[in-house]
PDB file of N, CA and C in Angstrom:
ATOM      1  N   MET A   1       1.545  -4.115  -9.432  1.00  0.00           N
ATOM      2  CA  MET A   1       0.930  -3.102  -8.192  1.00  0.00           C
ATOM      3  C   MET A   1      -0.682  -3.569  -7.829  1.00  0.00           C
ATOM      4  N   LEU A   2      -0.850  -3.465  -6.804  1.00  0.00           N
ATOM      5  CA  LEU A   2      -2.271  -3.800  -6.148  1.00  0.00           C
ATOM      6  C   LEU A   2      -2.554  -2.598  -5.156  1.00  0.00           C
ATOM      7  N   GLY A   3      -3.715  -1.954  -5.505  1.00  0.00           N
ATOM      8  CA  GLY A   3      -3.916  -0.792  -4.477  1.00  0.00           C
ATOM      9  C   GLY A   3      -5.058  -1.466  -3.253  1.00  0.00           C
ATOM     10  N   PHE A   4      -4.909  -0.743  -2.004  1.00  0.00           N
ATOM     11  CA  PHE A   4      -5.605  -0.850  -1.120  1.00  0.00           C
ATOM     12  C   PHE A   4      -5.755   0.426  -0.589  1.00  0.00           C
ATOM     13  N   PRO A   5      -7.141   1.012  -0.611  1.00  0.00           N
ATOM     14  CA  PRO A   5      -7.490   2.366  -0.347  1.00  0.00           C
ATOM     15  C   PRO A   5      -7.639   2.015   1.458  1.00  0.00           C
ATOM     16  N   CYS A   6      -7.363   3.125   2.328  1.00  0.00           N
ATOM     17  CA  CYS A   6      -7.512   2.995   3.777  1.00  0.00           C
ATOM     18  C   CYS A   6      -8.031   4.587   4.203  1.00  0.00           C
ATOM     19  N   ASN A   7      -9.051   4.580   4.962  1.00  0.00           N
ATOM     20  CA  ASN A   7      -9.282   5.876   5.294  1.00  0.00           C
ATOM     21  C   ASN A   7      -8.803   5.843   7.065  1.00  0.00           C
ATOM     22  N   GLN A   8      -7.804   5.340   7.302  1.00  0.00           N
ATOM     23  CA  GLN A   8      -7.399   5.746   8.740  1.00  0.00           C
ATOM     24  C   GLN A   8      -6.724   7.001   8.789  1.00  0.00           C
ATOM     25  N   PHE A   9      -6.361   7.822   7.872  1.00  0.00           N
ATOM     26  CA  PHE A   9      -5.262   8.912   7.773  1.00  0.00           C
ATOM     27  C   PHE A   9      -6.030  10.402   7.209  1.00  0.00           C
ATOM     28  N   ALA A  10      -6.483  10.988   8.356  1.00  0.00           N
ATOM     29  CA  ALA A  10      -6.881  12.171   8.028  1.00  0.00           C
ATOM     30  C   ALA A  10      -8.429  12.021   7.258  1.00  0.00           C
ATOM     31  N   ASN A  11      -9.079  10.958   7.388  1.00  0.00           N
ATOM     32  CA  ASN A  11     -10.552  10.822   6.423  1.00  0.00           C
ATOM     33  C   ASN A  11      -9.962  11.051   4.899  1.00  0.00           C
ATOM     34  N   GLN A  12      -8.962  10.580   4.313  1.00  0.00           N
ATOM     35  CA  GLN A  12      -8.628  10.745   3.097  1.00  0.00           C
ATOM     36  C   GLN A  12      -9.275   9.978   2.255  1.00  0.00           C
ATOM     37  N   GLU A  13      -9.962   8.848   2.527  1.00  0.00           N
ATOM     38  CA  GLU A  13     -10.687   8.021   1.480  1.00  0.00           C
ATOM     39  C   GLU A  13     -12.335   7.650   2.095  1.00  0.00           C
ATOM     40  N   PRO A  14     -13.045   8.851   2.308  1.00  0.00           N
ATOM     41  CA  PRO A  14     -14.408   8.601   2.651  1.00  0.00           C
ATOM     42  C   PRO A  14     -15.326   7.922   1.852  1.00  0.00           C
ATOM     43  N   LEU A  15     -14.962   8.024   0.488  1.00  0.00           N
ATOM     44  CA  LEU A  15     -15.712   7.491  -0.731  1.00  0.00           C
ATOM     45  C   LEU A  15     -15.752   6.077  -0.651  1.00  0.00           C
ATOM     46  N   GLY A  16     -17.166   5.391  -1.054  1.00  0.00           N
ATOM     47  CA  GLY A  16     -17.149   3.933  -1.191  1.00  0.00           C
ATOM     48  C   GLY A  16     -16.388   3.338  -1.957  1.00  0.00           C
ATOM     49  N   ASN A  17     -15.958   1.743  -1.829  1.00  0.00           N
ATOM     50  CA  ASN A  17     -15.204   1.446  -2.854  1.00  0.00           C
ATOM     51  C   ASN A  17     -15.346   1.475  -4.373  1.00  0.00           C
ATOM     52  N   ASP A  18     -16.227   1.478  -5.305  1.00  0.00           N
ATOM     53  CA  ASP A  18     -16.405   1.731  -6.403  1.00  0.00           C
ATOM     54  C   ASP A  18     -15.795   3.159  -6.730  1.00  0.00           C
ATOM     55  N   ALA A  19     -16.408   4.181  -5.854  1.00  0.00           N
ATOM     56  CA  ALA A  19     -16.012   5.791  -5.936  1.00  0.00           C
ATOM     57  C   ALA A  19     -14.612   5.914  -5.910  1.00  0.00           C
ATOM     58  N   VAL A  20     -13.928   5.090  -5.061  1.00  0.00           N
ATOM     59  CA  VAL A  20     -12.510   5.312  -4.883  1.00  0.00           C
ATOM     60  C   VAL A  20     -11.886   4.424  -6.146  1.00  0.00           C
ATOM     61  N   THR A  21     -12.019   3.562  -6.537  1.00  0.00           N
ATOM     62  CA  THR A  21     -11.934   3.067  -7.777  1.00  0.00           C
ATOM     63  C   THR A  21     -11.850   3.781  -8.799  1.00  0.00           C
ATOM     64  N   GLU A  22     -12.921   4.465  -9.038  1.00  0.00           N
ATOM     65  CA  GLU A  22     -13.189   5.088 -10.309  1.00  0.00           C
ATOM     66  C   GLU A  22     -12.406   6.641 -10.165  1.00  0.00           C
ATOM     67  N   PHE A  23     -12.236   7.382  -8.853  1.00  0.00           N
ATOM     68  CA  PHE A  23     -11.461   8.338  -8.960  1.00  0.00           C
ATOM     69  C   PHE A  23      -9.995   8.304  -8.957  1.00  0.00           C
ATOM     70  N   CYS A  24      -9.675   7.013  -8.769  1.00  0.00           N
ATOM     71  CA  CYS A  24      -8.106   6.974  -9.085  1.00  0.00           C
ATOM     72  C   CYS A  24      -8.005   6.497 -10.535  1.00  0.00           C
ATOM     73  N   GLN A  25      -8.707   5.933 -11.392  1.00  0.00           N
ATOM     74  CA  GLN A  25      -8.841   5.627 -12.879  1.00  0.00           C
ATOM     75  C   GLN A  25      -8.537   6.846 -13.229  1.00  0.00           C
ATOM     76  N   VAL A  26      -9.872   7.890 -12.931  1.00  0.00           N
ATOM     77  CA  VAL A  26      -9.808   8.849 -13.705  1.00  0.00           C
ATOM     78  C   VAL A  26      -8.808   9.822 -13.456  1.00  0.00           C
ATOM     79  N   ASN A  27      -8.764  10.068 -12.355  1.00  0.00           N
ATOM     80  CA  ASN A  27      -7.764  11.162 -12.107  1.00  0.00           C
ATOM     81  C   ASN A  27      -6.154  11.051 -11.798  1.00  0.00           C
ATOM     82  N   TYR A  28      -5.998   9.715 -11.570  1.00  0.00           N
ATOM     83  CA  TYR A  28      -4.598   9.400 -11.793  1.00  0.00           C
ATOM     84  C   TYR A  28      -4.134   8.332 -12.604  1.00  0.00           C
ATOM     85  N   GLY A  29      -4.973   7.811 -13.496  1.00  0.00           N
ATOM     86  CA  GLY A  29      -4.760   6.718 -14.908  1.00  0.00           C
ATOM     87  C   GLY A  29      -4.288   5.528 -14.155  1.00  0.00           C
ATOM     88  N   VAL A  30      -4.957   5.286 -13.004  1.00  0.00           N
ATOM     89  CA  VAL A  30      -4.742   3.892 -12.210  1.00  0.00           C
ATOM     90  C   VAL A  30      -5.077   2.857 -13.077  1.00  0.00           C
ATOM     91  N   THR A  31      -4.330   1.549 -13.376  1.00  0.00           N
ATOM     92  CA  THR A  31      -4.477   0.609 -14.301  1.00  0.00           C
ATOM     93  C   THR A  31      -4.619  -0.707 -13.441  1.00  0.00           C
ATOM     94  N   PHE A  32      -3.901  -0.530 -12.036  1.00  0.00           N
ATOM     95  CA  PHE A  32      -3.778  -1.788 -11.555  1.00  0.00           C
ATOM     96  C   PHE A  32      -4.994  -1.969 -10.809  1.00  0.00           C
ATOM     97  N   PRO A  33      -5.228  -3.042 -10.177  1.00  0.00           N
ATOM     98  CA  PRO A  33      -6.235  -3.636  -9.257  1.00  0.00           C
ATOM     99  C   PRO A  33      -6.713  -2.668  -8.145  1.00  0.00           C
ATOM    100  N   VAL A  34      -7.855  -2.049  -8.026  1.00  0.00           N
ATOM    101  CA  VAL A  34      -7.695  -1.334  -6.774  1.00  0.00           C
ATOM    102  C   VAL A  34      -8.808  -2.163  -5.995  1.00  0.00           C
ATOM    103  N   PHE A  35      -8.434  -2.795  -4.531  1.00  0.00           N
ATOM    104  CA  PHE A  35      -9.458  -3.795  -3.718  1.00  0.00           C
ATOM    105  C   PHE A  35     -10.389  -2.564  -2.950  1.00  0.00           C
ATOM    106  N   ALA A  36     -11.347  -3.490  -2.248  1.00  0.00           N
ATOM    107  CA  ALA A  36     -11.831  -2.976  -1.219  1.00  0.00           C
ATOM    108  C   ALA A  36     -11.260  -2.247  -0.395  1.00  0.00           C
ATOM    109  N   LYS A  37     -11.515  -1.243   0.335  1.00  0.00           N
ATOM    110  CA  LYS A  37     -11.043  -0.225   1.650  1.00  0.00           C
ATOM    111  C   LYS A  37     -10.344  -1.213   2.586  1.00  0.00           C
ATOM    112  N   VAL A  38      -9.415  -1.156   3.237  1.00  0.00           N
ATOM    113  CA  VAL A  38      -8.784  -2.087   4.256  1.00  0.00           C
ATOM    114  C   VAL A  38      -8.351  -1.091   5.446  1.00  0.00           C
ATOM    115  N   GLU A  39      -8.364  -1.393   6.456  1.00  0.00           N
ATOM    116  CA  GLU A  39      -7.030  -0.899   7.684  1.00  0.00           C
ATOM    117  C   GLU A  39      -6.374  -1.521   7.494  1.00  0.00           C
ATOM    118  N   VAL A  40      -5.367  -0.783   7.965  1.00  0.00           N
ATOM    119  CA  VAL A  40      -3.924  -1.198   7.775  1.00  0.00           C
ATOM    120  C   VAL A  40      -3.255  -0.999   9.218  1.00  0.00           C
ATOM    121  N   ASN A  41      -3.961  -0.358  10.398  1.00  0.00           N
ATOM    122  CA  ASN A  41      -3.097  -0.349  11.731  1.00  0.00           C
ATOM    123  C   ASN A  41      -4.333  -0.726  12.715  1.00  0.00           C
ATOM    124  N   GLY A  42      -3.755  -1.143  13.542  1.00  0.00           N
ATOM    125  CA  GLY A  42      -4.900  -1.280  14.813  1.00  0.00           C
ATOM    126  C   GLY A  42      -5.256  -2.675  14.977  1.00  0.00           C
ATOM    127  N   ALA A  43      -6.357  -2.915  15.817  1.00  0.00           N
ATOM    128  CA  ALA A  43      -6.876  -4.351  16.012  1.00  0.00           C
ATOM    129  C   ALA A  43      -7.768  -4.692  14.644  1.00  0.00           C
ATOM    130  N   ASN A  44      -8.078  -4.122  14.061  1.00  0.00           N
ATOM    131  CA  ASN A  44      -9.105  -4.462  12.778  1.00  0.00           C
ATOM    132  C   ASN A  44      -8.096  -4.293  11.504  1.00  0.00           C
ATOM    133  N   ALA A  45      -6.847  -4.380  11.823  1.00  0.00           N
ATOM    134  CA  ALA A  45      -5.813  -4.491  10.406  1.00  0.00           C
ATOM    135  C   ALA A  45      -6.272  -5.677   9.764  1.00  0.00           C
ATOM    136  N   SER A  46      -6.018  -5.387   8.503  1.00  0.00           N
ATOM    137  CA  SER A  46      -6.486  -6.624   7.598  1.00  0.00           C
ATOM    138  C   SER A  46      -5.267  -7.303   8.031  1.00  0.00           C
ATOM    139  N   PRO A  47      -5.586  -8.952   7.611  1.00  0.00           N
ATOM    140  CA  PRO A  47      -4.327  -9.972   7.847  1.00  0.00           C
ATOM    141  C   PRO A  47      -3.116  -9.492   7.095  1.00  0.00           C
ATOM    142  N   LEU A  48      -3.214  -9.220   5.821  1.00  0.00           N
ATOM    143  CA  LEU A  48      -2.520  -8.904   4.807  1.00  0.00           C
ATOM    144  C   LEU A  48      -1.602  -7.625   5.526  1.00  0.00           C
ATOM    145  N   TYR A  49      -1.974  -6.491   5.867  1.00  0.00           N
ATOM    146  CA  TYR A  49      -1.000  -5.478   6.394  1.00  0.00           C
ATOM    147  C   TYR A  49      -0.332  -6.076   7.790  1.00  0.00           C
ATOM    148  N   LYS A  50      -1.163  -6.844   8.620  1.00  0.00           N
ATOM    149  CA  LYS A  50      -0.350  -6.933   9.804  1.00  0.00           C
ATOM    150  C   LYS A  50       0.729  -8.028   9.358  1.00  0.00           C
ATOM    151  N   HIS A  51       0.836  -8.872   8.252  1.00  0.00           N
ATOM    152  CA  HIS A  51       1.910  -9.498   7.614  1.00  0.00           C
ATOM    153  C   HIS A  51       2.688  -8.547   7.110  1.00  0.00           C
ATOM    154  N   LEU A  52       2.489  -7.742   6.320  1.00  0.00           N
ATOM    155  CA  LEU A  52       3.578  -6.906   5.613  1.00  0.00           C
ATOM    156  C   LEU A  52       4.446  -5.868   6.546  1.00  0.00           C
ATOM    157  N   THR A  53       3.773  -5.273   7.582  1.00  0.00           N
ATOM    158  CA  THR A  53       4.284  -4.475   8.386  1.00  0.00           C
ATOM    159  C   THR A  53       4.856  -4.990   9.505  1.00  0.00           C
ATOM    160  N   LYS A  54       4.958  -6.440   9.919  1.00  0.00           N
ATOM    161  CA  LYS A  54       5.782  -7.149  10.566  1.00  0.00           C
ATOM    162  C   LYS A  54       7.052  -7.548   9.930  1.00  0.00           C
ATOM    163  N   GLU A  55       6.921  -7.649   8.685  1.00  0.00           N
ATOM    164  CA  GLU A  55       7.985  -8.314   8.013  1.00  0.00           C
ATOM    165  C   GLU A  55       8.968  -7.097   7.503  1.00  0.00           C
ATOM    166  N   ALA A  56       8.260  -5.929   7.056  1.00  0.00           N
ATOM    167  CA  ALA A  56       8.856  -5.122   6.477  1.00  0.00           C
ATOM    168  C   ALA A  56       8.730  -3.617   7.207  1.00  0.00           C
ATOM    169  N   ARG A  57       9.289  -3.444   8.436  1.00  0.00           N
ATOM    170  CA  ARG A  57       9.286  -2.366   9.297  1.00  0.00           C
ATOM    171  C   ARG A  57       9.652  -1.143   8.666  1.00  0.00           C
ATOM    172  N   GLY A  58       9.099  -0.087   9.204  1.00  0.00           N
ATOM    173  CA  GLY A  58       9.182   1.541   8.806  1.00  0.00           C
ATOM    174  C   GLY A  58      10.357   1.856   9.483  1.00  0.00           C
ATOM    175  N   LEU A  59      10.233   3.396   9.624  1.00  0.00           N
ATOM    176  CA  LEU A  59      11.412   4.224   9.941  1.00  0.00           C
ATOM    177  C   LEU A  59      11.577   3.927  11.692  1.00  0.00           C
ATOM    178  N   LEU A  60      12.873   3.562  11.719  1.00  0.00           N
ATOM    179  CA  LEU A  60      13.348   3.081  13.260  1.00  0.00           C
ATOM    180  C   LEU A  60      12.706   1.811  13.673  1.00  0.00           C
ATOM    181  N   GLY A  61      12.374   0.767  13.019  1.00  0.00           N
ATOM    182  CA  GLY A  61      11.923  -0.272  13.163  1.00  0.00           C
ATOM    183  C   GLY A  61      10.284  -0.351  13.568  1.00  0.00           C
ATOM    184  N   SER A  62       9.547   0.664  13.322  1.00  0.00           N
ATOM    185  CA  SER A  62       8.305   1.119  13.614  1.00  0.00           C
ATOM    186  C   SER A  62       7.138  -0.016  12.879  1.00  0.00           C
ATOM    187  N   GLU A  63       6.191  -0.749  13.270  1.00  0.00           N
ATOM    188  CA  GLU A  63       5.574  -1.425  12.510  1.00  0.00           C
ATOM    189  C   GLU A  63       4.171  -0.787  11.809  1.00  0.00           C
ATOM    190  N   PRO A  64       3.519   0.238  12.375  1.00  0.00           N
ATOM    191  CA  PRO A  64       2.504   0.781  11.713  1.00  0.00           C
ATOM    192  C   PRO A  64       2.740   1.656  10.530  1.00  0.00           C
ATOM    193  N   VAL A  65       1.664   1.719   9.876  1.00  0.00           N
ATOM    194  CA  VAL A  65       1.765   2.330   8.421  1.00  0.00           C
ATOM    195  C   VAL A  65       1.591   4.053   8.942  1.00  0.00           C
ATOM    196  N   LYS A  66       2.445   4.920   8.744  1.00  0.00           N
ATOM    197  CA  LYS A  66       2.390   6.235   9.034  1.00  0.00           C
ATOM    198  C   LYS A  66       1.262   7.018   8.132  1.00  0.00           C
ATOM    199  N   TRP A  67       1.314   6.648   6.809  1.00  0.00           N
ATOM    200  CA  TRP A  67       0.628   7.412   6.054  1.00  0.00           C
ATOM    201  C   TRP A  67      -0.076   6.909   4.722  1.00  0.00           C
ATOM    202  N   ASN A  68      -0.967   7.234   4.304  1.00  0.00           N
ATOM    203  CA  ASN A  68      -1.455   6.354   2.998  1.00  0.00           C
ATOM    204  C   ASN A  68      -0.452   6.454   2.096  1.00  0.00           C
ATOM    205  N   PHE A  69      -0.209   5.578   1.160  1.00  0.00           N
ATOM    206  CA  PHE A  69       0.313   5.407  -0.226  1.00  0.00           C
ATOM    207  C   PHE A  69       1.771   4.735   0.302  1.00  0.00           C
ATOM    208  N   THR A  70       1.840   4.505   1.361  1.00  0.00           N
ATOM    209  CA  THR A  70       3.203   3.311   1.793  1.00  0.00           C
ATOM    210  C   THR A  70       2.918   2.145   0.925  1.00  0.00           C
ATOM    211  N   LYS A  71       4.450   1.877   0.522  1.00  0.00           N
ATOM    212  CA  LYS A  71       4.203   0.468  -0.393  1.00  0.00           C
ATOM    213  C   LYS A  71       5.259  -0.599  -0.016  1.00  0.00           C
ATOM    214  N   PHE A  72       4.532  -1.429  -0.218  1.00  0.00           N
ATOM    215  CA  PHE A  72       5.288  -2.961  -0.067  1.00  0.00           C
ATOM    216  C   PHE A  72       5.990  -3.873  -1.195  1.00  0.00           C
ATOM    217  N   LEU A  73       6.794  -3.994  -1.596  1.00  0.00           N
ATOM    218  CA  LEU A  73       7.239  -4.670  -2.351  1.00  0.00           C
ATOM    219  C   LEU A  73       7.468  -6.246  -1.998  1.00  0.00           C
ATOM    220  N   VAL A  74       6.696  -6.918  -2.876  1.00  0.00           N
ATOM    221  CA  VAL A  74       6.617  -8.460  -2.467  1.00  0.00           C
ATOM    222  C   VAL A  74       7.353  -9.376  -3.551  1.00  0.00           C
ATOM    223  N   ASN A  75       8.089 -10.502  -3.125  1.00  0.00           N
ATOM    224  CA  ASN A  75       8.637 -11.423  -4.307  1.00  0.00           C
ATOM    225  C   ASN A  75       7.429 -12.095  -4.988  1.00  0.00           C
ATOM    226  N   ARG A  76       7.909 -12.826  -5.936  1.00  0.00           N
ATOM    227  CA  ARG A  76       7.215 -13.898  -6.457  1.00  0.00           C
ATOM    228  C   ARG A  76       6.705 -15.275  -5.644  1.00  0.00           C
ATOM    229  N   ASP A  77       7.442 -15.364  -4.366  1.00  0.00           N
ATOM    230  CA  ASP A  77       7.343 -16.302  -3.540  1.00  0.00           C
ATOM    231  C   ASP A  77       6.391 -15.813  -2.338  1.00  0.00           C
ATOM    232  N   GLY A  78       6.049 -14.535  -2.127  1.00  0.00           N
ATOM    233  CA  GLY A  78       5.129 -13.736  -1.258  1.00  0.00           C
ATOM    234  C   GLY A  78       6.080 -13.211  -0.157  1.00  0.00           C
ATOM    235  N   LYS A  79       7.096 -13.348  -0.116  1.00  0.00           N
ATOM    236  CA  LYS A  79       8.007 -12.663   0.910  1.00  0.00           C
ATOM    237  C   LYS A  79       8.302 -11.227   0.641  1.00  0.00           C
ATOM    238  N   THR A  80       8.037 -10.237   1.702  1.00  0.00           N
ATOM    239  CA  THR A  80       7.986  -8.899   1.828  1.00  0.00           C
ATOM    240  C   THR A  80       9.538  -8.943   1.709  1.00  0.00           C
ATOM    241  N   VAL A  81       9.725  -7.906   0.697  1.00  0.00           N
ATOM    242  CA  VAL A  81      11.267  -7.461   0.584  1.00  0.00           C
ATOM    243  C   VAL A  81      11.339  -6.421   0.987  1.00  0.00           C
ATOM    244  N   LYS A  82      10.642  -5.344   0.820  1.00  0.00           N
ATOM    245  CA  LYS A  82      11.036  -3.826   1.112  1.00  0.00           C
ATOM    246  C   LYS A  82       9.781  -3.088   1.447  1.00  0.00           C
ATOM    247  N   ARG A  83      10.080  -1.711   2.268  1.00  0.00           N
ATOM    248  CA  ARG A  83       8.839  -1.139   2.503  1.00  0.00           C
ATOM    249  C   ARG A  83       9.347   0.122   2.003  1.00  0.00           C
ATOM    250  N   PHE A  84       8.661   1.230   1.545  1.00  0.00           N
ATOM    251  CA  PHE A  84       8.733   2.289   0.891  1.00  0.00           C
ATOM    252  C   PHE A  84       7.765   3.543   1.447  1.00  0.00           C
ATOM    253  N   ALA A  85       8.338   4.488   1.622  1.00  0.00           N
ATOM    254  CA  ALA A  85       7.659   5.855   2.342  1.00  0.00           C
ATOM    255  C   ALA A  85       6.563   6.161   1.343  1.00  0.00           C
ATOM    256  N   PRO A  86       5.654   6.858   2.033  1.00  0.00           N
ATOM    257  CA  PRO A  86       4.388   7.417   0.925  1.00  0.00           C
ATOM    258  C   PRO A  86       4.684   8.089  -0.018  1.00  0.00           C
ATOM    259  N   THR A  87       6.140   8.814   0.070  1.00  0.00           N
ATOM    260  CA  THR A  87       6.456   9.844  -1.035  1.00  0.00           C
ATOM    261  C   THR A  87       7.270   8.881  -2.222  1.00  0.00           C
ATOM    262  N   ALA A  88       7.458   7.965  -2.149  1.00  0.00           N
ATOM    263  CA  ALA A  88       8.191   7.079  -3.147  1.00  0.00           C
ATOM    264  C   ALA A  88       7.048   6.893  -4.394  1.00  0.00           C
ATOM    265  N   THR A  89       7.740   7.619  -5.410  1.00  0.00           N
ATOM    266  CA  THR A  89       6.906   7.465  -6.682  1.00  0.00           C
ATOM    267  C   THR A  89       7.026   5.908  -7.259  1.00  0.00           C
ATOM    268  N   PRO A  90       5.906   5.303  -8.196  1.00  0.00           N
ATOM    269  CA  PRO A  90       5.986   4.237  -8.488  1.00  0.00           C
ATOM    270  C   PRO A  90       7.417   4.203  -9.640  1.00  0.00           C
ATOM    271  N   ASP A  91       7.486   5.236 -10.156  1.00  0.00           N
ATOM    272  CA  ASP A  91       8.528   5.185 -11.092  1.00  0.00           C
ATOM    273  C   ASP A  91      10.118   4.852 -10.364  1.00  0.00           C
ATOM    274  N   SER A  92       9.904   5.285  -9.179  1.00  0.00           N
ATOM    275  CA  SER A  92      11.256   5.224  -8.189  1.00  0.00           C
ATOM    276  C   SER A  92      11.694   3.867  -7.883  1.00  0.00           C
ATOM    277  N   LEU A  93      10.225   2.825  -8.079  1.00  0.00           N
ATOM    278  CA  LEU A  93      10.507   1.403  -7.737  1.00  0.00           C
ATOM    279  C   LEU A  93      11.063   0.507  -8.570  1.00  0.00           C
ATOM    280  N   HIS A  94      11.384   0.898  -9.932  1.00  0.00           N
ATOM    281  CA  HIS A  94      11.849   0.346 -10.984  1.00  0.00           C
ATOM    282  C   HIS A  94      12.773  -0.547 -10.973  1.00  0.00           C
ATOM    283  N   ALA A  95      14.029  -0.287 -10.261  1.00  0.00           N
ATOM    284  CA  ALA A  95      15.150  -1.001 -10.041  1.00  0.00           C
ATOM    285  C   ALA A  95      15.018  -1.938  -9.066  1.00  0.00           C
ATOM    286  N   ASP A  96      14.090  -1.605  -7.849  1.00  0.00           N
ATOM    287  CA  ASP A  96      14.116  -2.753  -7.005  1.00  0.00           C
ATOM    288  C   ASP A  96      13.293  -3.811  -7.467  1.00  0.00           C
ATOM    289  N   VAL A  97      11.886  -3.256  -8.675  1.00  0.00           N
ATOM    290  CA  VAL A  97      11.110  -4.261  -8.926  1.00  0.00           C
ATOM    291  C   VAL A  97      12.069  -5.205 -10.074  1.00  0.00           C
ATOM    292  N   GLU A  98      12.769  -4.565 -10.792  1.00  0.00           N
ATOM    293  CA  GLU A  98      13.448  -5.232 -11.887  1.00  0.00           C
ATOM    294  C   GLU A  98      14.534  -6.270 -11.189  1.00  0.00           C
ATOM    295  N   ALA A  99      14.963  -6.015 -10.047  1.00  0.00           N
ATOM    296  CA  ALA A  99      16.099  -6.772  -9.461  1.00  0.00           C
ATOM    297  C   ALA A  99      15.482  -8.221  -9.137  1.00  0.00           C
ATOM    298  N   LEU A 100      14.021  -8.345  -8.682  1.00  0.00           N
ATOM    299  CA  LEU A 100      13.429  -9.438  -8.477  1.00  0.00           C
ATOM    300  C   LEU A 100      12.705 -10.358  -9.496  1.00  0.00           C
ATOM    301  N   LEU A 101      13.149  -9.746 -10.795  1.00  0.00           N
ATOM    302  CA  LEU A 101      12.499 -10.539 -12.131  1.00  0.00           C
ATOM    303  C   LEU A 101      13.524 -11.472 -12.454  1.00  0.00           C
TER     304      LEU A 101
END
């Protein structure tokens, strides 16, 4: 897993990058890398999210990320395999991840 914080959703990530990482580690036990904040939608969306949202569209074929914690599964060749709703827990992804191993 990799984390990319974003502050485009109701100002949920107003903290600086280091503070976001620390908050995630202390409050949620996050052990995976948390990168610098990015934009996931719009003209300033990071190239990564432009690619992810184009390859794995959301509900009814939409590209934009609707809310924080949207998840994308990418295989070892870099192909975007699946998009998961923000409500999907990491534990609920095990079967999909294991199928790619």
